[in-house]
Amino acid sequence: MRVPQQRPLSIFLFFLGVFSGCTYALDVHSHRLTSTLAQFIVWCPGAAALCTCLLLRIPLGTLGWSWPARRFLRLAYFLPLLYATPVYLLTWLVVRGSFTLKSFEASMVEPYGLARWPAFGTFGVALPLLFTVGVVFEAVWSLGEELGWRGFLFPRLQQRFGFHGACLISGLIWAVWHFPELLWTDFRPVTKPIFFLACFTIMVTANAYLMGYLRLRSGSLWPCVLLHATHNTFIQSLFDPLTAPVGWAKYITTEFGVGLAVTVVVAATVLVSRGRLREGFSPAATDEPR
């Protein structure tokens, strides 16, 4: 017997609310986003997806485990560089004192004990490791979110609302899910809430279109995991540490500035408009019990 389409979505959102609510309650109570809680939080969507599949006996294969064509992995890896580099280059050129290479080098070489050779330690050791091992490590945590957002939620929304509806709805859920940590923990940005929430929501929703495109075209979860991992790695561990929050820089850069909100929208518009999307196709298999 076929499971009604709305039932898996409702149960997923219930589990997501319970798991995330418990974790965010600890964060908000302490006003701190500790590394342990942050690692638990990012796996709440994945845990909600797995629990829903187990409860409704939905095959776990519907979450998109198949390995994709290499071109989708290459695209996922380099997309954040394409939409982030113009934002930061423009900021460094326009906002005086916003480029902080020396402090960046110091922070990069410190874990490796190479303070006497900052240039070699940064460009010969730290950055190559960041671009490879760092991305792989980040992918472990990105998998937790993507199992929920693109593994479970997007394909089922796409069946009901089409590609654009699924991207919009999943993107808004994805953005709002982050609000508690942005508003009530020490992860809070330095600008006004109305500004950083608007920029972040636009950026995340546009990113959901990139993710949805990769999920639909590749039929796989892994390009989404890789894009999520490279986005976090390149922006949070490369571009942001290179940038001092002086003057207008804090309003342009980071995931909470207007720069990425604009460039990710442009990237999503270009990619989706040039792509061949099959509205009737869904990467999810049937939700019938096994």
C-alpha atoms as a PDB file:
ATOM      1  CA  MET A   1       0.000   0.000   0.000  1.00  0.00           C
ATOM      2  CA  ARG A   2       1.388   3.403  -0.985  1.00  0.00           C
ATOM      3  CA  VAL A   3       2.236   5.835   1.827  1.00  0.00           C
ATOM      4  CA  PRO A   4       0.347   9.168   1.417  1.00  0.00           C
ATOM      5  CA  GLN A   5       2.760  11.832   0.141  1.00  0.00           C
ATOM      6  CA  GLN A   6       2.147  14.262   3.002  1.00  0.00           C
ATOM      7  CA  ARG A   7       2.764  11.694   5.736  1.00  0.00           C
ATOM      8  CA  PRO A   8       6.543  11.263   5.273  1.00  0.00           C
ATOM      9  CA  LEU A   9       6.962  15.049   5.107  1.00  0.00           C
ATOM     10  CA  SER A  10       4.957  15.608   8.281  1.00  0.00           C
ATOM     11  CA  ILE A  11       6.827  12.928  10.193  1.00  0.00           C
ATOM     12  CA  PHE A  12      10.192  14.210   8.954  1.00  0.00           C
ATOM     13  CA  LEU A  13       9.355  17.741  10.108  1.00  0.00           C
ATOM     14  CA  PHE A  14       8.188  16.371  13.470  1.00  0.00           C
ATOM     15  CA  PHE A  15      11.467  14.522  14.052  1.00  0.00           C
ATOM     16  CA  LEU A  16      13.423  17.540  12.808  1.00  0.00           C
ATOM     17  CA  GLY A  17      11.622  19.787  15.287  1.00  0.00           C
ATOM     18  CA  VAL A  18      12.172  17.419  18.211  1.00  0.00           C
ATOM     19  CA  PHE A  19      15.865  16.755  17.549  1.00  0.00           C
ATOM     20  CA  SER A  20      16.738  20.328  16.643  1.00  0.00           C
ATOM     21  CA  GLY A  21      14.578  21.816  19.394  1.00  0.00           C
ATOM     22  CA  CYS A  22      16.324  19.848  22.125  1.00  0.00           C
ATOM     23  CA  THR A  23      19.755  20.829  20.840  1.00  0.00           C
ATOM     24  CA  TYR A  24      18.925  24.474  20.264  1.00  0.00           C
ATOM     25  CA  ALA A  25      17.427  24.672  23.747  1.00  0.00           C
ATOM     26  CA  LEU A  26      20.862  23.875  25.178  1.00  0.00           C
ATOM     27  CA  ASP A  27      22.513  26.396  22.869  1.00  0.00           C
ATOM     28  CA  VAL A  28      20.099  29.176  23.699  1.00  0.00           C
ATOM     29  CA  HIS A  29      20.280  28.428  27.413  1.00  0.00           C
ATOM     30  CA  SER A  30      24.078  28.707  27.422  1.00  0.00           C
ATOM     31  CA  HIS A  31      24.195  31.410  24.705  1.00  0.00           C
ATOM     32  CA  ARG A  32      27.067  29.426  23.196  1.00  0.00           C
ATOM     33  CA  LEU A  33      27.374  27.308  20.077  1.00  0.00           C
ATOM     34  CA  THR A  34      29.895  24.730  21.264  1.00  0.00           C
ATOM     35  CA  SER A  35      31.647  22.486  18.758  1.00  0.00           C
ATOM     36  CA  THR A  36      29.979  19.397  20.224  1.00  0.00           C
ATOM     37  CA  LEU A  37      26.480  20.824  19.963  1.00  0.00           C
ATOM     38  CA  ALA A  38      27.222  22.222  16.508  1.00  0.00           C
ATOM     39  CA  GLN A  39      28.215  18.753  15.315  1.00  0.00           C
ATOM     40  CA  PHE A  40      25.036  17.304  16.787  1.00  0.00           C
ATOM     41  CA  ILE A  41      22.877  20.021  15.240  1.00  0.00           C
ATOM     42  CA  VAL A  42      24.080  19.393  11.693  1.00  0.00           C
ATOM     43  CA  TRP A  43      23.066  15.748  11.988  1.00  0.00           C
ATOM     44  CA  CYS A  44      19.514  16.529  13.155  1.00  0.00           C
ATOM     45  CA  PRO A  45      18.113  16.683   9.569  1.00  0.00           C
ATOM     46  CA  GLY A  46      19.859  13.420   8.687  1.00  0.00           C
ATOM     47  CA  ALA A  47      18.646  11.738  11.859  1.00  0.00           C
ATOM     48  CA  ALA A  48      15.103  12.941  11.116  1.00  0.00           C
ATOM     49  CA  ALA A  49      15.310  11.482   7.605  1.00  0.00           C
ATOM     50  CA  LEU A  50      16.645   8.128   8.803  1.00  0.00           C
ATOM     51  CA  CYS A  51      14.035   7.858  11.577  1.00  0.00           C
ATOM     52  CA  THR A  52      11.246   8.667   9.132  1.00  0.00           C
ATOM     53  CA  CYS A  53      12.457   6.024   6.682  1.00  0.00           C
ATOM     54  CA  LEU A  54      12.729   3.415   9.420  1.00  0.00           C
ATOM     55  CA  LEU A  55       9.332   4.247  10.893  1.00  0.00           C
ATOM     56  CA  LEU A  56       7.506   4.170   7.552  1.00  0.00           C
ATOM     57  CA  ARG A  57       9.678   1.377   6.133  1.00  0.00           C
ATOM     58  CA  ILE A  58      10.792   3.607   3.258  1.00  0.00           C
ATOM     59  CA  PRO A  59      13.817   2.153   1.437  1.00  0.00           C
ATOM     60  CA  LEU A  60      16.988   3.978   2.433  1.00  0.00           C
ATOM     61  CA  GLY A  61      18.026   3.833  -1.215  1.00  0.00           C
ATOM     62  CA  THR A  62      15.601   6.688  -1.916  1.00  0.00           C
ATOM     63  CA  LEU A  63      18.024   9.048  -0.141  1.00  0.00           C
ATOM     64  CA  GLY A  64      20.323   9.137  -3.168  1.00  0.00           C
ATOM     65  CA  TRP A  65      23.408   7.072  -2.371  1.00  0.00           C
ATOM     66  CA  SER A  66      24.375   6.310  -5.971  1.00  0.00           C
ATOM     67  CA  TRP A  67      27.717   7.728  -7.144  1.00  0.00           C
ATOM     68  CA  PRO A  68      27.277  10.530  -9.711  1.00  0.00           C
ATOM     69  CA  ALA A  69      29.113  11.433 -12.901  1.00  0.00           C
ATOM     70  CA  ARG A  70      32.390  13.237 -12.206  1.00  0.00           C
ATOM     71  CA  ARG A  71      31.263  16.453 -13.904  1.00  0.00           C
ATOM     72  CA  PHE A  72      28.722  17.037 -11.138  1.00  0.00           C
ATOM     73  CA  LEU A  73      31.371  16.575  -8.453  1.00  0.00           C
ATOM     74  CA  ARG A  74      33.703  18.997 -10.229  1.00  0.00           C
ATOM     75  CA  LEU A  75      30.908  21.543 -10.511  1.00  0.00           C
ATOM     76  CA  ALA A  76      30.004  21.126  -6.845  1.00  0.00           C
ATOM     77  CA  TYR A  77      33.612  21.573  -5.737  1.00  0.00           C
ATOM     78  CA  PHE A  78      34.297  24.773  -7.690  1.00  0.00           C
ATOM     79  CA  LEU A  79      30.925  26.543  -7.495  1.00  0.00           C
ATOM     80  CA  PRO A  80      31.664  28.265  -4.143  1.00  0.00           C
ATOM     81  CA  LEU A  81      34.927  29.625  -5.551  1.00  0.00           C
ATOM     82  CA  LEU A  82      33.049  30.993  -8.553  1.00  0.00           C
ATOM     83  CA  TYR A  83      30.409  32.854  -6.563  1.00  0.00           C
ATOM     84  CA  ALA A  84      32.518  33.865  -3.545  1.00  0.00           C
ATOM     85  CA  THR A  85      35.774  35.055  -5.121  1.00  0.00           C
ATOM     86  CA  PRO A  86      34.279  38.157  -6.843  1.00  0.00           C
ATOM     87  CA  VAL A  87      32.643  39.263  -3.584  1.00  0.00           C
ATOM     88  CA  TYR A  88      35.827  39.130  -1.553  1.00  0.00           C
ATOM     89  CA  LEU A  89      38.117  40.487  -4.265  1.00  0.00           C
ATOM     90  CA  LEU A  90      35.879  43.512  -4.712  1.00  0.00           C
ATOM     91  CA  THR A  91      35.733  44.041  -0.944  1.00  0.00           C
ATOM     92  CA  TRP A  92      39.518  43.869  -0.568  1.00  0.00           C
ATOM     93  CA  LEU A  93      39.942  46.368  -3.395  1.00  0.00           C
ATOM     94  CA  VAL A  94      37.307  48.832  -2.232  1.00  0.00           C
ATOM     95  CA  VAL A  95      37.354  48.647   1.573  1.00  0.00           C
ATOM     96  CA  ARG A  96      40.680  49.803   2.931  1.00  0.00           C
ATOM     97  CA  GLY A  97      42.283  47.496   5.492  1.00  0.00           C
ATOM     98  CA  SER A  98      39.889  44.617   4.820  1.00  0.00           C
ATOM     99  CA  PHE A  99      42.580  42.268   3.455  1.00  0.00           C
ATOM    100  CA  THR A 100      44.530  40.663   6.333  1.00  0.00           C
ATOM    101  CA  LEU A 101      47.119  38.290   4.874  1.00  0.00           C
ATOM    102  CA  LYS A 102      49.566  38.394   7.789  1.00  0.00           C
ATOM    103  CA  SER A 103      47.031  37.468  10.456  1.00  0.00           C
ATOM    104  CA  PHE A 104      45.629  34.814   8.127  1.00  0.00           C
ATOM    105  CA  GLU A 105      49.065  33.264   7.656  1.00  0.00           C
ATOM    106  CA  ALA A 106      49.683  33.308  11.407  1.00  0.00           C
ATOM    107  CA  SER A 107      46.436  31.478  12.124  1.00  0.00           C
ATOM    108  CA  MET A 108      47.023  28.949   9.339  1.00  0.00           C
ATOM    109  CA  VAL A 109      50.570  27.922  10.299  1.00  0.00           C
ATOM    110  CA  GLU A 110      50.107  27.879  14.071  1.00  0.00           C
ATOM    111  CA  PRO A 111      48.677  24.303  14.218  1.00  0.00           C
ATOM    112  CA  TYR A 112      51.659  23.022  12.215  1.00  0.00           C
ATOM    113  CA  GLY A 113      54.401  24.807  14.178  1.00  0.00           C
ATOM    114  CA  LEU A 114      55.584  26.662  11.076  1.00  0.00           C
ATOM    115  CA  ALA A 115      55.435  30.220  12.398  1.00  0.00           C
ATOM    116  CA  ARG A 116      59.002  30.881  11.206  1.00  0.00           C
ATOM    117  CA  TRP A 117      57.983  30.157   7.603  1.00  0.00           C
ATOM    118  CA  PRO A 118      54.489  31.703   7.292  1.00  0.00           C
ATOM    119  CA  ALA A 119      54.367  31.794   3.487  1.00  0.00           C
ATOM    120  CA  PHE A 120      55.552  28.210   3.040  1.00  0.00           C
ATOM    121  CA  GLY A 121      53.398  26.972   5.929  1.00  0.00           C
ATOM    122  CA  THR A 122      50.299  28.660   4.521  1.00  0.00           C
ATOM    123  CA  PHE A 123      50.615  28.016   0.802  1.00  0.00           C
ATOM    124  CA  GLY A 124      52.705  24.853   0.889  1.00  0.00           C
ATOM    125  CA  VAL A 125      51.080  23.001   3.766  1.00  0.00           C
ATOM    126  CA  ALA A 126      47.939  24.498   5.297  1.00  0.00           C
ATOM    127  CA  LEU A 127      46.004  25.469   2.167  1.00  0.00           C
ATOM    128  CA  PRO A 128      46.641  22.211   0.262  1.00  0.00           C
ATOM    129  CA  LEU A 129      45.427  20.317   3.324  1.00  0.00           C
ATOM    130  CA  LEU A 130      42.422  22.637   3.629  1.00  0.00           C
ATOM    131  CA  PHE A 131      41.431  22.077  -0.006  1.00  0.00           C
ATOM    132  CA  THR A 132      41.627  18.291   0.355  1.00  0.00           C
ATOM    133  CA  VAL A 133      41.522  16.866   3.874  1.00  0.00           C
ATOM    134  CA  GLY A 134      39.615  19.864   5.186  1.00  0.00           C
ATOM    135  CA  VAL A 135      36.880  19.425   2.587  1.00  0.00           C
ATOM    136  CA  VAL A 136      36.609  15.695   3.325  1.00  0.00           C
ATOM    137  CA  PHE A 137      36.320  16.373   7.044  1.00  0.00           C
ATOM    138  CA  GLU A 138      33.675  19.038   6.459  1.00  0.00           C
ATOM    139  CA  ALA A 139      31.762  16.621   4.210  1.00  0.00           C
ATOM    140  CA  VAL A 140      31.163  14.341   7.206  1.00  0.00           C
ATOM    141  CA  TRP A 141      29.105  17.092   8.848  1.00  0.00           C
ATOM    142  CA  SER A 142      27.569  18.299   5.588  1.00  0.00           C
ATOM    143  CA  LEU A 143      26.272  14.770   4.995  1.00  0.00           C
ATOM    144  CA  GLY A 144      24.184  15.102   8.161  1.00  0.00           C
ATOM    145  CA  GLU A 145      22.313  18.094   6.779  1.00  0.00           C
ATOM    146  CA  GLU A 146      22.125  16.933   3.186  1.00  0.00           C
ATOM    147  CA  LEU A 147      20.617  13.572   4.121  1.00  0.00           C
ATOM    148  CA  GLY A 148      17.678  15.561   5.405  1.00  0.00           C
ATOM    149  CA  TRP A 149      17.451  18.494   3.010  1.00  0.00           C
ATOM    150  CA  ARG A 150      18.358  16.945  -0.352  1.00  0.00           C
ATOM    151  CA  GLY A 151      18.295  13.248   0.460  1.00  0.00           C
ATOM    152  CA  PHE A 152      14.803  13.155   1.920  1.00  0.00           C
ATOM    153  CA  LEU A 153      13.017  16.514   1.820  1.00  0.00           C
ATOM    154  CA  PHE A 154      13.750  17.873  -1.668  1.00  0.00           C
ATOM    155  CA  PRO A 155      12.774  14.781  -3.719  1.00  0.00           C
ATOM    156  CA  ARG A 156       9.433  14.488  -1.940  1.00  0.00           C
ATOM    157  CA  LEU A 157       8.694  18.193  -2.236  1.00  0.00           C
ATOM    158  CA  GLN A 158       9.661  17.976  -5.908  1.00  0.00           C
ATOM    159  CA  GLN A 159       7.100  15.242  -6.460  1.00  0.00           C
ATOM    160  CA  ARG A 160       4.358  17.495  -5.093  1.00  0.00           C
ATOM    161  CA  PHE A 161       5.429  21.037  -6.042  1.00  0.00           C
ATOM    162  CA  GLY A 162       7.859  20.676  -8.950  1.00  0.00           C
ATOM    163  CA  PHE A 163      11.467  21.784  -9.068  1.00  0.00           C
ATOM    164  CA  HIS A 164      11.029  25.477  -8.263  1.00  0.00           C
ATOM    165  CA  GLY A 165       8.531  24.889  -5.489  1.00  0.00           C
ATOM    166  CA  ALA A 166      10.757  22.246  -3.903  1.00  0.00           C
ATOM    167  CA  CYS A 167      13.822  24.496  -4.023  1.00  0.00           C
ATOM    168  CA  LEU A 168      11.951  27.467  -2.571  1.00  0.00           C
ATOM    169  CA  ILE A 169      10.265  25.535   0.249  1.00  0.00           C
ATOM    170  CA  SER A 170      13.322  23.476   1.203  1.00  0.00           C
ATOM    171  CA  GLY A 171      15.502  26.585   1.037  1.00  0.00           C
ATOM    172  CA  LEU A 172      13.248  28.553   3.374  1.00  0.00           C
ATOM    173  CA  ILE A 173      13.070  25.640   5.826  1.00  0.00           C
ATOM    174  CA  TRP A 174      16.860  25.322   5.644  1.00  0.00           C
ATOM    175  CA  ALA A 175      17.316  29.041   6.371  1.00  0.00           C
ATOM    176  CA  VAL A 176      14.780  29.287   9.205  1.00  0.00           C
ATOM    177  CA  TRP A 177      16.263  26.167  10.809  1.00  0.00           C
ATOM    178  CA  HIS A 178      19.465  28.202  11.385  1.00  0.00           C
ATOM    179  CA  PHE A 179      17.739  31.207  12.963  1.00  0.00           C
ATOM    180  CA  PRO A 180      18.031  30.162  16.647  1.00  0.00           C
ATOM    181  CA  GLU A 181      21.826  29.913  16.517  1.00  0.00           C
ATOM    182  CA  LEU A 182      22.054  33.199  14.615  1.00  0.00           C
ATOM    183  CA  LEU A 183      19.830  35.110  17.012  1.00  0.00           C
ATOM    184  CA  TRP A 184      20.530  33.677  20.454  1.00  0.00           C
ATOM    185  CA  THR A 185      24.069  32.243  20.575  1.00  0.00           C
ATOM    186  CA  ASP A 186      27.595  33.629  20.257  1.00  0.00           C
ATOM    187  CA  PHE A 187      27.471  32.670  16.561  1.00  0.00           C
ATOM    188  CA  ARG A 188      25.356  35.804  16.032  1.00  0.00           C
ATOM    189  CA  PRO A 189      26.677  38.148  13.293  1.00  0.00           C
ATOM    190  CA  VAL A 190      27.704  41.712  14.155  1.00  0.00           C
ATOM    191  CA  THR A 191      25.135  43.477  11.945  1.00  0.00           C
ATOM    192  CA  LYS A 192      21.461  44.143  12.691  1.00  0.00           C
ATOM    193  CA  PRO A 193      19.208  41.049  12.777  1.00  0.00           C
ATOM    194  CA  ILE A 194      16.864  42.298  10.053  1.00  0.00           C
ATOM    195  CA  PHE A 195      19.857  42.731   7.751  1.00  0.00           C
ATOM    196  CA  PHE A 196      21.766  39.516   8.375  1.00  0.00           C
ATOM    197  CA  LEU A 197      18.623  37.363   8.453  1.00  0.00           C
ATOM    198  CA  ALA A 198      17.446  38.786   5.126  1.00  0.00           C
ATOM    199  CA  CYS A 199      20.842  38.312   3.452  1.00  0.00           C
ATOM    200  CA  PHE A 200      21.283  34.835   4.898  1.00  0.00           C
ATOM    201  CA  THR A 201      17.794  33.716   3.878  1.00  0.00           C
ATOM    202  CA  ILE A 202      18.271  34.914   0.302  1.00  0.00           C
ATOM    203  CA  MET A 203      21.696  33.276   0.066  1.00  0.00           C
ATOM    204  CA  VAL A 204      20.538  29.954   1.512  1.00  0.00           C
ATOM    205  CA  THR A 205      17.371  29.821  -0.600  1.00  0.00           C
ATOM    206  CA  ALA A 206      19.361  30.548  -3.762  1.00  0.00           C
ATOM    207  CA  ASN A 207      21.854  27.876  -2.708  1.00  0.00           C
ATOM    208  CA  ALA A 208      18.928  25.454  -2.413  1.00  0.00           C
ATOM    209  CA  TYR A 209      18.374  25.968  -6.161  1.00  0.00           C
ATOM    210  CA  LEU A 210      22.004  25.010  -6.820  1.00  0.00           C
ATOM    211  CA  MET A 211      21.607  21.973  -4.592  1.00  0.00           C
ATOM    212  CA  GLY A 212      18.293  21.044  -6.181  1.00  0.00           C
ATOM    213  CA  TYR A 213      19.816  21.305  -9.650  1.00  0.00           C
ATOM    214  CA  LEU A 214      22.678  18.995  -8.678  1.00  0.00           C
ATOM    215  CA  ARG A 215      20.331  16.545  -6.973  1.00  0.00           C
ATOM    216  CA  LEU A 216      17.947  16.403  -9.893  1.00  0.00           C
ATOM    217  CA  ARG A 217      20.517  16.274 -12.693  1.00  0.00           C
ATOM    218  CA  SER A 218      22.902  13.815 -11.028  1.00  0.00           C
ATOM    219  CA  GLY A 219      20.296  11.696  -9.241  1.00  0.00           C
ATOM    220  CA  SER A 220      22.725  11.596  -6.333  1.00  0.00           C
ATOM    221  CA  LEU A 221      23.119  13.104  -2.881  1.00  0.00           C
ATOM    222  CA  TRP A 222      26.919  13.375  -3.079  1.00  0.00           C
ATOM    223  CA  PRO A 223      27.295  16.505  -5.239  1.00  0.00           C
ATOM    224  CA  CYS A 224      25.087  18.325  -2.716  1.00  0.00           C
ATOM    225  CA  VAL A 225      27.256  17.085   0.144  1.00  0.00           C
ATOM    226  CA  LEU A 226      30.386  18.247  -1.667  1.00  0.00           C
ATOM    227  CA  LEU A 227      28.944  21.671  -2.518  1.00  0.00           C
ATOM    228  CA  HIS A 228      27.855  22.134   1.095  1.00  0.00           C
ATOM    229  CA  ALA A 229      31.328  21.112   2.301  1.00  0.00           C
ATOM    230  CA  THR A 230      33.281  23.340  -0.093  1.00  0.00           C
ATOM    231  CA  HIS A 231      30.973  26.296   0.591  1.00  0.00           C
ATOM    232  CA  ASN A 232      31.599  26.042   4.329  1.00  0.00           C
ATOM    233  CA  THR A 233      35.315  25.348   3.929  1.00  0.00           C
ATOM    234  CA  PHE A 234      36.170  28.060   1.423  1.00  0.00           C
ATOM    235  CA  ILE A 235      34.032  30.795   2.938  1.00  0.00           C
ATOM    236  CA  GLN A 236      34.451  30.104   6.652  1.00  0.00           C
ATOM    237  CA  SER A 237      38.065  28.864   6.631  1.00  0.00           C
ATOM    238  CA  LEU A 238      39.573  30.799   3.705  1.00  0.00           C
ATOM    239  CA  PHE A 239      37.767  33.962   2.631  1.00  0.00           C
ATOM    240  CA  ASP A 240      36.418  35.105   6.007  1.00  0.00           C
ATOM    241  CA  PRO A 241      39.756  34.744   7.861  1.00  0.00           C
ATOM    242  CA  LEU A 242      41.395  36.770   5.066  1.00  0.00           C
ATOM    243  CA  THR A 243      38.916  39.594   5.642  1.00  0.00           C
ATOM    244  CA  ALA A 244      38.838  42.097   8.509  1.00  0.00           C
ATOM    245  CA  PRO A 245      35.321  43.255   9.481  1.00  0.00           C
ATOM    246  CA  VAL A 246      36.105  46.930   8.932  1.00  0.00           C
ATOM    247  CA  GLY A 247      33.847  49.556   7.388  1.00  0.00           C
ATOM    248  CA  TRP A 248      31.456  48.192   4.809  1.00  0.00           C
ATOM    249  CA  ALA A 249      33.220  44.815   4.680  1.00  0.00           C
ATOM    250  CA  LYS A 250      30.970  43.351   7.373  1.00  0.00           C
ATOM    251  CA  TYR A 251      27.910  44.272   5.306  1.00  0.00           C
ATOM    252  CA  ILE A 252      29.286  42.756   2.100  1.00  0.00           C
ATOM    253  CA  THR A 253      31.164  39.600   3.099  1.00  0.00           C
ATOM    254  CA  THR A 254      30.415  36.445   5.110  1.00  0.00           C
ATOM    255  CA  GLU A 255      27.274  34.369   4.707  1.00  0.00           C
ATOM    256  CA  PHE A 256      25.351  37.249   6.293  1.00  0.00           C
ATOM    257  CA  GLY A 257      26.353  40.008   3.888  1.00  0.00           C
ATOM    258  CA  VAL A 258      24.760  41.270   0.727  1.00  0.00           C
ATOM    259  CA  GLY A 259      27.629  40.103  -1.502  1.00  0.00           C
ATOM    260  CA  LEU A 260      27.003  36.360  -1.370  1.00  0.00           C
ATOM    261  CA  ALA A 261      23.245  36.933  -1.398  1.00  0.00           C
ATOM    262  CA  VAL A 262      23.658  38.564  -4.811  1.00  0.00           C
ATOM    263  CA  THR A 263      26.264  36.246  -6.351  1.00  0.00           C
ATOM    264  CA  VAL A 264      24.576  33.008  -5.263  1.00  0.00           C
ATOM    265  CA  VAL A 265      21.306  34.265  -6.779  1.00  0.00           C
ATOM    266  CA  VAL A 266      23.178  35.021 -10.011  1.00  0.00           C
ATOM    267  CA  ALA A 267      24.875  31.597  -9.980  1.00  0.00           C
ATOM    268  CA  ALA A 268      21.579  29.808  -9.359  1.00  0.00           C
ATOM    269  CA  THR A 269      19.815  31.787 -12.081  1.00  0.00           C
ATOM    270  CA  VAL A 270      22.512  31.038 -14.650  1.00  0.00           C
ATOM    271  CA  LEU A 271      22.850  27.360 -13.773  1.00  0.00           C
ATOM    272  CA  VAL A 272      19.135  26.580 -13.581  1.00  0.00           C
ATOM    273  CA  SER A 273      18.247  28.590 -16.708  1.00  0.00           C
ATOM    274  CA  ARG A 274      20.929  26.785 -18.737  1.00  0.00           C
ATOM    275  CA  GLY A 275      20.205  23.340 -17.294  1.00  0.00           C
ATOM    276  CA  ARG A 276      17.829  20.752 -18.663  1.00  0.00           C
ATOM    277  CA  LEU A 277      15.400  20.054 -15.848  1.00  0.00           C
ATOM    278  CA  ARG A 278      12.799  17.351 -16.050  1.00  0.00           C
ATOM    279  CA  GLU A 279       9.865  18.563 -13.942  1.00  0.00           C
ATOM    280  CA  GLY A 280       8.157  15.182 -14.036  1.00  0.00           C
ATOM    281  CA  PHE A 281      11.204  13.324 -12.796  1.00  0.00           C
ATOM    282  CA  SER A 282      12.054  12.856  -9.139  1.00  0.00           C
ATOM    283  CA  PRO A 283      15.275  11.351  -7.788  1.00  0.00           C
ATOM    284  CA  ALA A 284      13.248   9.714  -5.042  1.00  0.00           C
ATOM    285  CA  ALA A 285      12.041   6.207  -5.580  1.00  0.00           C
ATOM    286  CA  THR A 286       8.711   5.078  -4.254  1.00  0.00           C
ATOM    287  CA  ASP A 287       7.791   5.644  -0.613  1.00  0.00           C
ATOM    288  CA  GLU A 288       5.967   2.332  -0.523  1.00  0.00           C
ATOM    289  CA  PRO A 289       6.973   0.171   2.448  1.00  0.00           C
ATOM    290  CA  ARG A 290       9.467  -2.615   1.791  1.00  0.00           C
END
